[in-house]
Amino acid sequence: MSKTTPATRTLENAGVVFETVSYDYDPDAPRVGLQAAEAIGEEPHRVLKTLMATVDGKPVCAVIPADREVSMKKLAAAFGGKSAAMMKPADAERLTGYHVGGISPFGQRKTVPTAIEIAALSEPYVFMNGGQRGLQVRLDPKAALAALGAKAAPLIS
């Protein structure tokens, strides 16, 4: 597995300190984020999943703890919209350039507005997808927020 992806290149170019962690990705896992947390031996609230959605029909990216669910109402509010919906997997892949299970908020084909669950910023470090199934990056959540030009907002139900 290559540890150089558009996501890791984006982090390097932004000067973000991170480390990569590889694990055996299970495509049949019912919840990929929880499987990743278990595989790397980390608490699920520190492993953040990347969700692609739309708010009022426009694409957005939400980054939340693997053991939580996104609130569509809070997601819409975070971007000043009225309604939110999850993006279809094929649309998410086309927009980001990544495969589902390997979608990273970093280095997406098209930059979209991004929000990170505010609770994640209180962690000393978090894991996010490194742009490939079975690859996570460990980094400071505040550095991730800055590198993404993201906003911190309450996103979980």
Protein backbone atom coordinates (compact mmCIF):
# COMPACT_ATOMS: atom_id res chain seq x y z
CA MET A 1 0.00 0.00 0.00
CA SER A 2 1.31 3.41 -0.95
CA LYS A 3 1.45 5.91 1.86
CA THR A 4 1.60 8.80 -0.60
CA THR A 5 -1.84 9.96 -1.62
CA PRO A 6 -3.35 13.31 -2.60
CA ALA A 7 -4.32 13.62 1.09
CA THR A 8 -0.81 13.09 2.45
CA ARG A 9 0.67 15.38 -0.22
CA THR A 10 -1.83 18.09 0.76
CA LEU A 11 -0.84 17.76 4.42
CA GLU A 12 2.87 17.86 3.57
CA ASN A 13 2.40 20.94 1.37
CA ALA A 14 0.50 22.64 4.19
CA GLY A 15 3.33 21.89 6.63
CA VAL A 16 1.10 19.78 8.88
CA VAL A 17 2.88 17.31 11.15
CA PHE A 18 1.25 13.89 10.82
CA GLU A 19 2.03 10.22 10.79
CA THR A 20 0.44 7.47 8.73
CA VAL A 21 -1.03 4.30 10.17
CA SER A 22 -1.93 1.36 7.93
CA TYR A 23 -4.40 -1.36 8.82
CA ASP A 24 -6.27 -4.23 7.17
CA TYR A 25 -9.38 -2.64 5.67
CA ASP A 26 -12.49 -4.82 5.85
CA PRO A 27 -14.85 -3.93 2.97
CA ASP A 28 -17.59 -6.03 4.61
CA ALA A 29 -17.51 -4.22 7.95
CA PRO A 30 -20.94 -2.80 8.81
CA ARG A 31 -19.33 0.45 10.03
CA VAL A 32 -15.99 1.19 8.38
CA GLY A 33 -14.95 3.88 10.88
CA LEU A 34 -15.47 1.58 13.85
CA GLN A 35 -13.57 -1.18 12.07
CA ALA A 36 -10.68 1.24 11.48
CA ALA A 37 -10.65 2.25 15.16
CA GLU A 38 -10.56 -1.36 16.28
CA ALA A 39 -7.88 -2.30 13.74
CA ILE A 40 -5.53 0.49 14.87
CA GLY A 41 -6.35 0.04 18.56
CA GLU A 42 -7.74 3.52 19.07
CA GLU A 43 -10.82 4.91 20.82
CA PRO A 44 -13.62 5.40 18.23
CA HIS A 45 -14.22 9.02 19.26
CA ARG A 46 -10.65 9.84 18.13
CA VAL A 47 -11.08 8.18 14.71
CA LEU A 48 -12.99 10.64 12.55
CA LYS A 49 -15.03 9.61 9.54
CA THR A 50 -15.43 11.75 6.45
CA LEU A 51 -18.99 12.15 5.21
CA MET A 52 -19.96 13.78 1.94
CA ALA A 53 -23.33 15.46 1.94
CA THR A 54 -25.30 18.25 0.35
CA VAL A 55 -26.76 21.30 2.04
CA ASP A 56 -29.49 22.97 0.02
CA GLY A 57 -28.22 20.95 -2.96
CA LYS A 58 -24.57 22.08 -2.66
CA PRO A 59 -21.78 19.64 -1.72
CA VAL A 60 -20.19 19.79 1.73
CA CYS A 61 -17.88 17.62 3.80
CA ALA A 62 -18.52 16.70 7.44
CA VAL A 63 -15.89 15.12 9.70
CA ILE A 64 -17.27 13.44 12.81
CA PRO A 65 -16.24 10.75 15.33
CA ALA A 66 -16.61 7.20 14.00
CA ASP A 67 -18.91 6.19 16.85
CA ARG A 68 -21.44 8.97 16.26
CA GLU A 69 -24.08 9.86 13.66
CA VAL A 70 -24.38 13.18 11.89
CA SER A 71 -27.46 15.29 12.58
CA MET A 72 -28.83 16.54 9.26
CA LYS A 73 -30.42 19.49 11.04
CA LYS A 74 -27.12 20.51 12.65
CA LEU A 75 -25.22 19.91 9.41
CA ALA A 76 -27.56 22.22 7.50
CA ALA A 77 -27.28 24.85 10.25
CA ALA A 78 -23.46 24.65 10.21
CA PHE A 79 -23.47 25.79 6.59
CA GLY A 80 -26.34 28.26 6.91
CA GLY A 81 -28.75 26.04 5.01
CA LYS A 82 -32.24 24.69 5.46
CA SER A 83 -31.83 21.02 4.58
CA ALA A 84 -29.06 18.44 4.34
CA ALA A 85 -28.83 14.99 2.80
CA MET A 86 -26.12 12.37 2.46
CA MET A 87 -24.48 12.26 -0.95
CA LYS A 88 -24.84 9.08 -2.99
CA PRO A 89 -21.60 7.02 -2.85
CA ALA A 90 -20.98 7.31 -6.62
CA ASP A 91 -21.39 11.10 -6.44
CA ALA A 92 -19.02 11.29 -3.45
CA GLU A 93 -16.40 9.26 -5.31
CA ARG A 94 -16.70 11.38 -8.44
CA LEU A 95 -16.47 14.65 -6.48
CA THR A 96 -13.59 13.67 -4.20
CA GLY A 97 -11.53 11.39 -6.44
CA TYR A 98 -11.45 8.81 -3.64
CA HIS A 99 -13.23 5.48 -3.18
CA VAL A 100 -15.84 5.12 -0.43
CA GLY A 101 -14.00 3.75 2.62
CA GLY A 102 -10.97 5.81 1.61
CA ILE A 103 -12.46 9.31 1.35
CA SER A 104 -10.26 11.87 3.07
CA PRO A 105 -11.20 15.47 3.74
CA PHE A 106 -7.69 16.39 2.47
CA GLY A 107 -6.72 16.57 -1.19
CA GLN A 108 -10.16 16.10 -2.67
CA ARG A 109 -10.50 16.60 -6.41
CA LYS A 110 -12.83 19.55 -5.79
CA THR A 111 -12.57 21.63 -2.63
CA VAL A 112 -15.89 21.91 -0.82
CA PRO A 113 -16.86 23.65 2.42
CA THR A 114 -15.90 21.44 5.35
CA ALA A 115 -16.97 21.27 8.99
CA ILE A 116 -15.40 19.25 11.79
CA GLU A 117 -17.37 18.19 14.87
CA ILE A 118 -16.42 20.75 17.52
CA ALA A 119 -15.94 18.08 20.22
CA ALA A 120 -13.03 16.61 18.22
CA LEU A 121 -11.00 19.78 18.75
CA SER A 122 -10.64 19.00 22.46
CA GLU A 123 -8.69 15.81 21.65
CA PRO A 124 -4.87 15.93 21.74
CA TYR A 125 -4.83 14.04 18.42
CA VAL A 126 -7.25 12.43 16.01
CA PHE A 127 -7.11 10.02 13.10
CA MET A 128 -8.58 10.85 9.70
CA ASN A 129 -8.65 8.89 6.49
CA GLY A 130 -5.40 9.23 4.57
CA GLY A 131 -7.00 8.99 1.14
CA GLN A 132 -6.90 5.24 0.74
CA ARG A 133 -8.75 2.30 2.22
CA GLY A 134 -6.67 1.03 5.14
CA LEU A 135 -4.71 4.26 5.66
CA GLN A 136 -5.23 6.74 8.48
CA VAL A 137 -3.30 9.89 9.36
CA ARG A 138 -2.73 10.85 13.00
CA LEU A 139 -2.60 14.59 13.57
CA ASP A 140 -3.60 17.51 15.77
CA PRO A 141 -7.28 18.29 15.14
CA LYS A 142 -6.60 22.04 15.20
CA ALA A 143 -3.94 21.60 12.50
CA ALA A 144 -6.47 19.63 10.44
CA LEU A 145 -9.03 22.41 10.87
CA ALA A 146 -6.53 25.02 9.68
CA ALA A 147 -5.25 22.92 6.76
CA LEU A 148 -8.80 22.36 5.55
CA GLY A 149 -9.91 25.94 6.06
CA ALA A 150 -12.78 24.22 7.85
CA LYS A 151 -15.18 25.41 10.49
CA ALA A 152 -15.77 23.76 13.83
CA ALA A 153 -19.44 23.16 14.54
CA PRO A 154 -21.73 20.84 16.48
CA LEU A 155 -22.64 18.19 13.90
CA ILE A 156 -23.64 15.08 15.83
CA SER A 157 -27.01 14.01 17.14
